[in-house]
Amino acid sequence: MIGLRREDKNEWERRVALTPDHVAELVRDAGIALQVQPSENRVFADVDYTTVGAVLDEGLDRCNVILGIKEVPTEKLLSKKTYLYFSHTTKGQAYNMPMLRRLMELGCTLIDYEQITDERDRRLIFFGRHAGYAGMIDTLWALGRRLESEGHVTGLKRIRLAHDYSSLDEATHHISRVGEQLRHTGFPEELRPIVCGFTGSGNVSLGAQEIFDRLPTLDVAPEDLDRLIADPDRPRSVLYKVRFERRHRFARRSDGGFDGKEFDGHPERYENGLARWLPHLTMLLHGAFWSPEQPRVIGLDDLDRLWSDGDPKLKVIADISCDIDGGVQATVKPTTPGNPVFVYDLDRREAVDGYTGRGPVIMAIDNLPCQLAAESSEHFGDTLVRWVPLLDRCPWERPLDELPLPDSIHRAVIVHRGELTPSFKYLQTHLDAG
């Protein structure tokens, strides 16, 4: 039996791994029995699941496989179950090592959606571009509020937070209308040009750019930013989009160059390369993968230099990757849809909730797709549903190399029957450190 757990990380988490339509398909076409934990917060009502044949039950003890979205609280883990969720453990995240340790103690199997990839390392089960959609909406909201706090009321003030729209369609149509207004009103001279930088080339960054392009935008290459800033004839109603590839974000220490293969093998030979362009950016949306071996994308020393001359152009950093003390060093805590931003105060060296203060506004919501819960769940379930019959039939009591699963799933097994799998043995060091 497949279990669908109730998300309980916080009040904003309304997503679900499978929608009622997906459950109906599995019951009807594959004859799979599904049990759903009741929830008053889930975006789809309990009755929508029971109507299509699911069993509603608080306990998931009868289920062999349990599907979720966010991490399962340690005290709610059940013995010898197979769990699928976003575990946030593969970078050795200290805050999730107790959960990983408990999974091992209970003899569980853990499969992380983020690790389910094809032979080209492309993720197969994901929330699509919804993190980017919600992240860009919230970032534009934050920029509008920050500018207003500094005495500049612009059309961006009309943009709401993503969860304050009834649907993604409503949000995109409203932002398009704001864009039409900006074509006529423009921006004050002292703010121009409004430049938004993007890192990453995956679904997150592409989704964010889709929303951004609802406004009057023009693309500019990083190498052309100096010329743009100096151009007195630039349009007054345009926002500029600049995409920073890895060769822009990282520079070889010896000569400032970049070689992808060398960087992958020896990231210690490189340093932050983005700092040279930071003075030209109004906001930055960071959506690229980052690992602790790499130089930071933005360090606190970069921000200190930027603010040392007074009030810089940079207003907002959206850290959609949300690695705490990671690629964006000022991301010192996650934020929530109810309290979406803080200012990293460069004098006090701490986060101050809100959007005023000496330092950049940081948007670091760690569950952005939950603000578009229905649409993101539908997309996620579309990518997951075809795998469920395989998971249901799998004899999980067998050794890992005997499991009749495709390589894409095998690669994503972090723990099997209480033991770290060979690809993830390195996590033992992080477990021991905790």
Protein backbone atom coordinates (compact mmCIF):
# COMPACT_ATOMS: atom_id res chain seq x y z
CA MET A 1 0.00 0.00 0.00
CA ILE A 2 1.15 3.53 -0.81
CA GLY A 3 0.79 6.20 1.86
CA LEU A 4 0.39 9.92 1.25
CA ARG A 5 1.48 11.83 4.31
CA ARG A 6 0.17 15.13 5.60
CA GLU A 7 2.69 17.96 5.28
CA ASP A 8 3.33 19.51 8.67
CA LYS A 9 6.55 21.50 8.44
CA ASN A 10 4.68 24.80 8.75
CA GLU A 11 1.29 26.37 8.15
CA TRP A 12 2.23 27.42 4.61
CA GLU A 13 3.00 23.95 3.32
CA ARG A 14 -0.17 22.95 1.45
CA ARG A 15 1.40 20.89 -1.33
CA VAL A 16 0.97 17.16 -1.86
CA ALA A 17 2.92 14.57 -3.83
CA LEU A 18 -0.16 13.25 -5.69
CA THR A 19 -3.37 15.09 -6.49
CA PRO A 20 -6.81 13.40 -6.47
CA ASP A 21 -6.57 13.03 -10.26
CA HIS A 22 -3.29 11.13 -9.90
CA VAL A 23 -4.76 8.90 -7.19
CA ALA A 24 -7.77 8.17 -9.38
CA GLU A 25 -5.45 7.13 -12.21
CA LEU A 26 -3.45 4.80 -9.95
CA VAL A 27 -6.54 3.19 -8.41
CA ARG A 28 -8.33 2.80 -11.74
CA ASP A 29 -5.50 1.81 -14.07
CA ALA A 30 -2.97 0.10 -11.78
CA GLY A 31 -5.19 -1.25 -9.00
CA ILE A 32 -3.00 0.35 -6.35
CA ALA A 33 -4.30 0.81 -2.82
CA LEU A 34 -3.58 4.27 -1.41
CA GLN A 35 -4.00 5.65 2.08
CA VAL A 36 -4.09 9.38 2.72
CA GLN A 37 -3.54 11.13 6.03
CA PRO A 38 -6.34 13.64 6.67
CA SER A 39 -5.38 17.32 6.46
CA GLU A 40 -7.26 20.56 6.96
CA ASN A 41 -4.43 22.49 5.32
CA ARG A 42 -3.79 20.50 2.14
CA VAL A 43 -4.73 22.35 -1.06
CA PHE A 44 -7.05 19.47 -2.04
CA ALA A 45 -9.82 18.41 0.33
CA ASP A 46 -9.89 14.99 2.00
CA VAL A 47 -13.17 14.16 0.30
CA ASP A 48 -11.54 14.65 -3.11
CA TYR A 49 -9.30 11.67 -2.31
CA THR A 50 -11.91 9.37 -0.81
CA THR A 51 -14.21 10.01 -3.78
CA VAL A 52 -11.63 8.49 -6.14
CA GLY A 53 -10.93 5.44 -4.00
CA ALA A 54 -8.29 6.36 -1.45
CA VAL A 55 -8.59 5.36 2.20
CA LEU A 56 -8.49 8.21 4.71
CA ASP A 57 -6.59 7.19 7.86
CA GLU A 58 -4.37 8.98 10.35
CA GLY A 59 -1.96 6.08 10.77
CA LEU A 60 0.33 4.98 7.94
CA ASP A 61 1.51 1.75 9.59
CA ARG A 62 0.02 -0.45 6.87
CA CYS A 63 1.87 1.38 4.10
CA ASN A 64 5.13 0.03 2.72
CA VAL A 65 5.96 3.22 0.81
CA ILE A 66 5.21 6.70 2.15
CA LEU A 67 5.27 9.74 -0.15
CA GLY A 68 5.78 13.27 1.13
CA ILE A 69 7.24 16.60 0.11
CA LYS A 70 9.26 18.15 2.94
CA GLU A 71 11.30 16.45 5.65
CA VAL A 72 9.46 14.12 8.02
CA PRO A 73 9.82 15.11 11.70
CA THR A 74 12.09 12.64 13.47
CA GLU A 75 9.44 11.63 15.97
CA LYS A 76 6.99 10.76 13.20
CA LEU A 77 9.22 8.34 11.30
CA LEU A 78 7.97 4.75 11.25
CA SER A 79 10.08 1.60 11.39
CA LYS A 80 11.15 -0.22 8.22
CA LYS A 81 9.26 2.04 5.81
CA THR A 82 10.40 3.31 2.44
CA TYR A 83 10.17 7.11 2.34
CA LEU A 84 10.31 9.45 -0.63
CA TYR A 85 10.67 13.18 0.03
CA PHE A 86 13.08 16.09 -0.32
CA SER A 87 15.42 15.20 2.53
CA HIS A 88 17.97 18.05 2.25
CA THR A 89 20.74 15.77 3.49
CA THR A 90 23.10 15.22 0.54
CA LYS A 91 25.24 18.29 1.32
CA GLY A 92 25.59 17.06 4.90
CA GLN A 93 23.15 19.67 6.20
CA ALA A 94 23.70 19.55 9.96
CA TYR A 95 20.10 20.36 10.83
CA ASN A 96 18.88 17.19 9.10
CA MET A 97 21.49 14.75 10.38
CA PRO A 98 19.30 13.74 13.38
CA MET A 99 16.54 12.80 10.92
CA LEU A 100 18.96 10.81 8.77
CA ARG A 101 20.34 9.05 11.83
CA ARG A 102 16.84 8.12 13.00
CA LEU A 103 15.95 6.72 9.57
CA MET A 104 18.97 4.46 9.88
CA GLU A 105 18.12 3.42 13.42
CA LEU A 106 14.62 2.43 12.30
CA GLY A 107 15.88 0.34 9.37
CA CYS A 108 14.17 2.59 6.82
CA THR A 109 14.87 3.23 3.15
CA LEU A 110 15.15 6.85 2.00
CA ILE A 111 14.82 7.99 -1.61
CA ASP A 112 15.34 11.67 -2.34
CA TYR A 113 13.35 13.10 -5.26
CA GLU A 114 16.14 15.54 -6.02
CA GLN A 115 18.52 12.66 -6.73
CA ILE A 116 16.23 10.91 -9.24
CA THR A 117 17.96 11.83 -12.48
CA ASP A 118 18.53 10.51 -15.98
CA GLU A 119 21.89 9.60 -17.52
CA ARG A 120 22.50 13.29 -18.27
CA ASP A 121 21.91 14.24 -14.63
CA ARG A 122 18.57 15.90 -15.38
CA ARG A 123 16.03 15.68 -12.57
CA LEU A 124 12.99 13.56 -13.39
CA ILE A 125 10.68 14.35 -10.44
CA PHE A 126 10.44 18.06 -9.67
CA PHE A 127 8.23 21.06 -9.13
CA GLY A 128 9.03 22.49 -12.53
CA ARG A 129 9.38 26.21 -12.67
CA HIS A 130 7.07 26.99 -9.77
CA ALA A 131 9.85 27.89 -7.33
CA GLY A 132 11.09 30.37 -9.92
CA TYR A 133 7.60 31.72 -10.56
CA ALA A 134 6.89 32.32 -6.87
CA GLY A 135 10.41 33.53 -6.16
CA MET A 136 10.32 36.18 -8.85
CA ILE A 137 6.88 37.41 -7.80
CA ASP A 138 8.06 37.76 -4.20
CA THR A 139 11.30 39.42 -5.30
CA LEU A 140 9.44 42.05 -7.33
CA TRP A 141 7.20 42.63 -4.31
CA ALA A 142 10.29 43.09 -2.13
CA LEU A 143 11.89 45.51 -4.58
CA GLY A 144 8.73 47.60 -4.73
CA ARG A 145 8.63 47.80 -0.92
CA ARG A 146 12.34 48.59 -0.57
CA LEU A 147 12.14 51.37 -3.14
CA GLU A 148 9.05 52.81 -1.44
CA SER A 149 10.88 52.81 1.91
CA GLU A 150 13.59 54.89 0.25
CA GLY A 151 11.08 57.40 -1.10
CA HIS A 152 10.51 55.96 -4.59
CA VAL A 153 6.95 54.86 -5.30
CA THR A 154 6.93 52.87 -8.54
CA GLY A 155 4.49 50.60 -10.33
CA LEU A 156 6.24 47.65 -8.66
CA LYS A 157 4.43 48.57 -5.43
CA ARG A 158 1.25 47.10 -6.95
CA ILE A 159 2.75 43.61 -7.13
CA ARG A 160 1.59 41.31 -4.35
CA LEU A 161 3.22 38.29 -2.74
CA ALA A 162 2.71 35.06 -4.67
CA HIS A 163 0.34 33.54 -2.09
CA ASP A 164 -1.87 36.64 -2.21
CA TYR A 165 -2.93 35.72 -5.74
CA SER A 166 -5.65 33.11 -6.22
CA SER A 167 -3.69 31.35 -8.97
CA LEU A 168 -0.61 31.59 -11.14
CA ASP A 169 -2.80 32.88 -13.98
CA GLU A 170 -4.05 35.75 -11.85
CA ALA A 171 -0.48 36.60 -10.83
CA THR A 172 0.91 36.62 -14.36
CA HIS A 173 -1.97 38.67 -15.74
CA HIS A 174 -1.62 41.21 -12.94
CA ILE A 175 2.13 41.53 -13.43
CA SER A 176 1.55 42.02 -17.15
CA ARG A 177 -0.81 44.90 -16.31
CA VAL A 178 1.85 46.39 -14.03
CA GLY A 179 4.24 46.09 -16.97
CA GLU A 180 1.88 48.07 -19.17
CA GLN A 181 1.73 50.79 -16.54
CA LEU A 182 5.52 50.89 -16.32
CA ARG A 183 5.75 51.39 -20.09
CA HIS A 184 3.95 54.70 -19.57
CA THR A 185 5.29 55.84 -16.18
CA GLY A 186 8.84 54.48 -16.27
CA PHE A 187 11.28 54.82 -13.38
CA PRO A 188 12.89 57.88 -11.80
CA GLU A 189 16.24 58.90 -13.30
CA GLU A 190 18.09 58.23 -10.04
CA LEU A 191 17.02 54.55 -10.13
CA ARG A 192 17.76 53.87 -13.78
CA PRO A 193 18.73 51.48 -15.12
CA ILE A 194 16.87 48.81 -13.13
CA VAL A 195 19.04 45.71 -13.64
CA CYS A 196 18.18 42.20 -12.47
CA GLY A 197 20.86 39.53 -12.50
CA PHE A 198 20.05 35.81 -12.77
CA THR A 199 22.24 32.83 -11.92
CA GLY A 200 21.42 29.29 -13.03
CA SER A 201 20.06 27.83 -16.25
CA GLY A 202 17.58 25.29 -14.88
CA ASN A 203 13.87 25.33 -14.17
CA VAL A 204 14.15 27.72 -11.22
CA SER A 205 15.97 30.42 -13.15
CA LEU A 206 13.87 29.92 -16.29
CA GLY A 207 10.65 30.17 -14.29
CA ALA A 208 11.81 33.38 -12.65
CA GLN A 209 12.70 34.84 -16.03
CA GLU A 210 9.26 33.96 -17.40
CA ILE A 211 7.69 36.14 -14.73
CA PHE A 212 10.26 38.91 -15.14
CA ASP A 213 9.59 38.99 -18.88
CA ARG A 214 5.97 39.97 -18.18
CA LEU A 215 7.45 43.42 -17.55
CA PRO A 216 9.06 45.61 -20.24
CA THR A 217 12.53 44.01 -20.30
CA LEU A 218 15.66 43.95 -22.43
CA ASP A 219 18.53 41.48 -22.26
CA VAL A 220 22.04 42.72 -21.67
CA ALA A 221 25.28 40.73 -21.47
CA PRO A 222 27.42 41.10 -18.34
CA GLU A 223 30.23 42.48 -20.48
CA ASP A 224 27.94 45.32 -21.62
CA LEU A 225 26.86 46.50 -18.17
CA ASP A 226 29.51 49.22 -17.92
CA ARG A 227 28.36 50.68 -21.25
CA LEU A 228 24.69 50.48 -20.20
CA ILE A 229 25.32 52.37 -16.97
CA ALA A 230 27.17 55.10 -18.85
CA ASP A 231 24.55 55.47 -21.62
CA PRO A 232 22.55 58.71 -21.10
CA ASP A 233 19.99 57.69 -23.73
CA ARG A 234 18.83 54.43 -22.16
CA PRO A 235 15.01 53.95 -22.05
CA ARG A 236 13.23 55.11 -18.91
CA SER A 237 10.61 52.35 -18.81
CA VAL A 238 12.73 49.22 -19.24
CA LEU A 239 14.08 46.70 -16.75
CA TYR A 240 17.26 44.96 -17.84
CA LYS A 241 17.94 41.24 -17.52
CA VAL A 242 21.47 39.92 -17.27
CA ARG A 243 22.30 36.22 -17.03
CA PHE A 244 25.49 35.21 -15.25
CA GLU A 245 26.92 31.90 -16.40
CA ARG A 246 29.52 29.99 -14.40
CA ARG A 247 32.30 31.76 -16.29
CA HIS A 248 30.93 35.06 -14.97
CA ARG A 249 30.40 33.85 -11.40
CA PHE A 250 33.81 32.26 -10.86
CA ALA A 251 37.29 33.37 -11.91
CA ARG A 252 40.60 31.52 -11.81
CA ARG A 253 42.78 33.03 -9.09
CA SER A 254 45.89 33.07 -11.25
CA ASP A 255 44.63 34.90 -14.32
CA GLY A 256 40.87 35.53 -14.06
CA GLY A 257 39.99 32.91 -16.68
CA PHE A 258 37.56 30.01 -16.47
CA ASP A 259 37.64 26.38 -17.55
CA GLY A 260 34.62 24.25 -16.72
CA LYS A 261 36.42 20.93 -16.38
CA GLU A 262 39.14 22.46 -14.22
CA PHE A 263 36.54 24.18 -12.05
CA ASP A 264 34.64 20.93 -11.51
CA GLY A 265 37.82 19.14 -10.45
CA HIS A 266 39.60 21.94 -8.62
CA PRO A 267 37.17 24.63 -7.42
CA GLU A 268 39.79 25.76 -4.89
CA ARG A 269 41.71 27.33 -7.78
CA TYR A 270 38.86 29.79 -8.29
CA GLU A 271 37.40 32.80 -6.53
CA ASN A 272 34.21 34.84 -6.70
CA GLY A 273 33.92 36.50 -10.10
CA LEU A 274 30.49 38.09 -9.70
CA ALA A 275 31.65 40.87 -7.38
CA ARG A 276 32.87 43.05 -10.25
CA TRP A 277 29.30 43.38 -11.56
CA LEU A 278 27.45 43.77 -8.24
CA PRO A 279 27.65 47.61 -8.25
CA HIS A 280 25.55 47.63 -11.45
CA LEU A 281 22.73 45.39 -10.18
CA THR A 282 19.45 46.49 -8.62
CA MET A 283 18.55 42.93 -7.65
CA LEU A 284 19.98 39.45 -8.03
CA LEU A 285 18.09 36.19 -8.22
CA HIS A 286 20.35 33.28 -7.30
CA GLY A 287 18.99 30.01 -8.63
CA ALA A 288 22.16 28.06 -9.45
CA PHE A 289 23.49 24.97 -7.75
CA TRP A 290 26.23 25.66 -5.22
CA SER A 291 28.38 23.33 -3.12
CA PRO A 292 30.61 24.16 -0.13
CA GLU A 293 33.76 23.37 -2.15
CA GLN A 294 33.02 26.29 -4.47
CA PRO A 295 33.75 29.97 -3.84
CA ARG A 296 30.75 31.91 -2.58
CA VAL A 297 28.62 33.67 -5.17
CA ILE A 298 28.32 36.70 -2.86
CA GLY A 299 30.36 36.98 0.34
CA LEU A 300 29.91 39.39 3.20
CA ASP A 301 33.15 41.09 2.18
CA ASP A 302 31.57 41.83 -1.23
CA LEU A 303 28.63 43.49 0.49
CA ASP A 304 30.89 45.42 2.87
CA ARG A 305 32.76 46.90 -0.10
CA LEU A 306 29.50 47.72 -1.84
CA TRP A 307 28.07 49.59 1.16
CA SER A 308 31.33 51.26 2.14
CA ASP A 309 30.68 54.16 -0.24
CA GLY A 310 27.17 54.84 1.02
CA ASP A 311 23.91 53.71 -0.54
CA PRO A 312 24.60 51.27 -3.41
CA LYS A 313 22.38 50.36 -6.33
CA LEU A 314 21.80 46.78 -5.08
CA LYS A 315 18.50 46.49 -3.19
CA VAL A 316 17.35 42.86 -3.14
CA ILE A 317 18.97 39.43 -3.28
CA ALA A 318 16.60 36.51 -3.85
CA ASP A 319 18.34 33.33 -2.74
CA ILE A 320 16.04 30.70 -4.20
CA SER A 321 18.66 28.02 -3.58
CA CYS A 322 18.39 28.92 0.12
CA ASP A 323 21.64 27.34 1.29
CA ILE A 324 22.12 28.70 4.80
CA ASP A 325 25.53 30.41 5.04
CA GLY A 326 26.12 29.10 1.53
CA GLY A 327 26.56 30.63 -1.91
CA VAL A 328 24.98 33.85 -0.63
CA GLN A 329 26.68 34.30 2.73
CA ALA A 330 24.07 36.78 3.93
CA THR A 331 21.43 34.03 3.81
CA VAL A 332 21.72 33.30 7.52
CA LYS A 333 18.20 31.90 7.93
CA PRO A 334 15.28 30.75 5.81
CA THR A 335 12.22 32.96 5.52
CA THR A 336 8.54 32.06 5.17
CA PRO A 337 5.66 33.29 3.00
CA GLY A 338 4.29 35.04 6.08
CA ASN A 339 7.60 36.77 6.82
CA PRO A 340 9.32 36.64 3.44
CA VAL A 341 12.31 38.96 3.76
CA PHE A 342 14.92 40.34 6.08
CA VAL A 343 17.69 42.88 5.75
CA TYR A 344 21.15 41.57 6.45
CA ASP A 345 22.38 44.42 8.66
CA LEU A 346 26.05 44.88 7.82
CA ASP A 347 26.74 46.83 11.02
CA ARG A 348 25.09 44.39 13.42
CA ARG A 349 26.04 41.28 11.41
CA GLU A 350 22.55 39.84 11.77
CA ALA A 351 19.21 39.46 10.05
CA VAL A 352 16.59 42.13 10.77
CA ASP A 353 13.09 41.27 9.59
CA GLY A 354 11.59 43.66 7.06
CA TYR A 355 12.99 45.63 4.14
CA THR A 356 14.68 48.67 5.69
CA GLY A 357 18.22 48.98 6.99
CA ARG A 358 21.87 49.17 6.01
CA GLY A 359 22.26 46.10 3.87
CA PRO A 360 20.47 44.15 1.16
CA VAL A 361 16.98 42.73 1.43
CA ILE A 362 17.25 38.93 1.44
CA MET A 363 14.37 36.76 0.22
CA ALA A 364 15.10 33.15 1.21
CA ILE A 365 11.80 31.26 1.36
CA ASP A 366 12.73 27.58 1.42
CA ASN A 367 9.40 26.24 0.14
CA LEU A 368 8.49 28.72 -2.59
CA PRO A 369 6.23 26.39 -4.63
CA CYS A 370 3.84 26.08 -1.66
CA GLN A 371 2.58 29.56 -2.53
CA LEU A 372 1.27 28.09 -5.79
CA ALA A 373 0.18 24.87 -4.12
CA ALA A 374 -2.40 23.56 -6.59
CA GLU A 375 -0.44 24.18 -9.79
CA SER A 376 2.88 23.02 -8.35
CA SER A 377 1.33 19.82 -6.92
CA GLU A 378 -0.28 19.03 -10.26
CA HIS A 379 3.04 19.41 -12.06
CA PHE A 380 4.96 17.44 -9.45
CA GLY A 381 2.43 14.61 -9.48
CA ASP A 382 2.60 14.47 -13.27
CA THR A 383 6.32 13.69 -12.99
CA LEU A 384 5.91 11.23 -10.09
CA VAL A 385 2.82 9.20 -10.96
CA ARG A 386 4.44 6.92 -13.55
CA TRP A 387 6.95 5.69 -10.96
CA VAL A 388 4.41 4.76 -8.27
CA PRO A 389 3.50 1.27 -9.61
CA LEU A 390 7.21 0.36 -9.60
CA LEU A 391 7.56 1.58 -6.04
CA ASP A 392 4.44 -0.30 -4.97
CA ARG A 393 5.62 -3.62 -6.43
CA CYS A 394 9.22 -3.39 -5.28
CA PRO A 395 10.36 -6.03 -2.73
CA TRP A 396 12.10 -3.57 -0.43
CA GLU A 397 13.35 -6.33 1.88
CA ARG A 398 15.93 -7.39 -0.73
CA PRO A 399 19.50 -6.03 -0.85
CA LEU A 400 19.96 -2.82 -2.82
CA ASP A 401 21.57 -4.43 -5.86
CA GLU A 402 18.65 -6.86 -6.15
CA LEU A 403 15.90 -4.25 -6.20
CA PRO A 404 14.06 -4.32 -9.58
CA LEU A 405 14.26 -0.57 -10.06
CA PRO A 406 15.60 1.55 -12.92
CA ASP A 407 19.00 3.18 -12.50
CA SER A 408 17.40 6.59 -12.06
CA ILE A 409 15.73 5.40 -8.84
CA HIS A 410 18.72 3.34 -7.68
CA ARG A 411 20.90 6.44 -7.83
CA ALA A 412 18.51 8.26 -5.50
CA VAL A 413 18.52 5.71 -2.65
CA ILE A 414 20.41 7.40 0.19
CA VAL A 415 19.64 4.84 2.90
CA HIS A 416 18.49 1.24 2.37
CA ARG A 417 17.34 -0.94 5.24
CA GLY A 418 19.08 1.38 7.70
CA GLU A 419 22.45 1.58 5.91
CA LEU A 420 23.94 4.39 3.86
CA THR A 421 24.24 3.26 0.25
CA PRO A 422 27.72 3.30 -1.40
CA SER A 423 27.17 6.62 -3.19
CA PHE A 424 26.26 8.33 0.06
CA LYS A 425 28.74 6.78 2.49
CA TYR A 426 30.40 10.20 2.72
CA LEU A 427 27.47 11.34 4.85
CA GLN A 428 28.79 9.20 7.72
CA THR A 429 31.39 11.92 8.37
CA HIS A 430 28.60 14.46 8.78
CA LEU A 431 26.62 12.09 11.00
CA ASP A 432 29.66 11.56 13.21
CA ALA A 433 30.25 15.31 13.45
CA GLY A 434 26.74 15.79 14.81
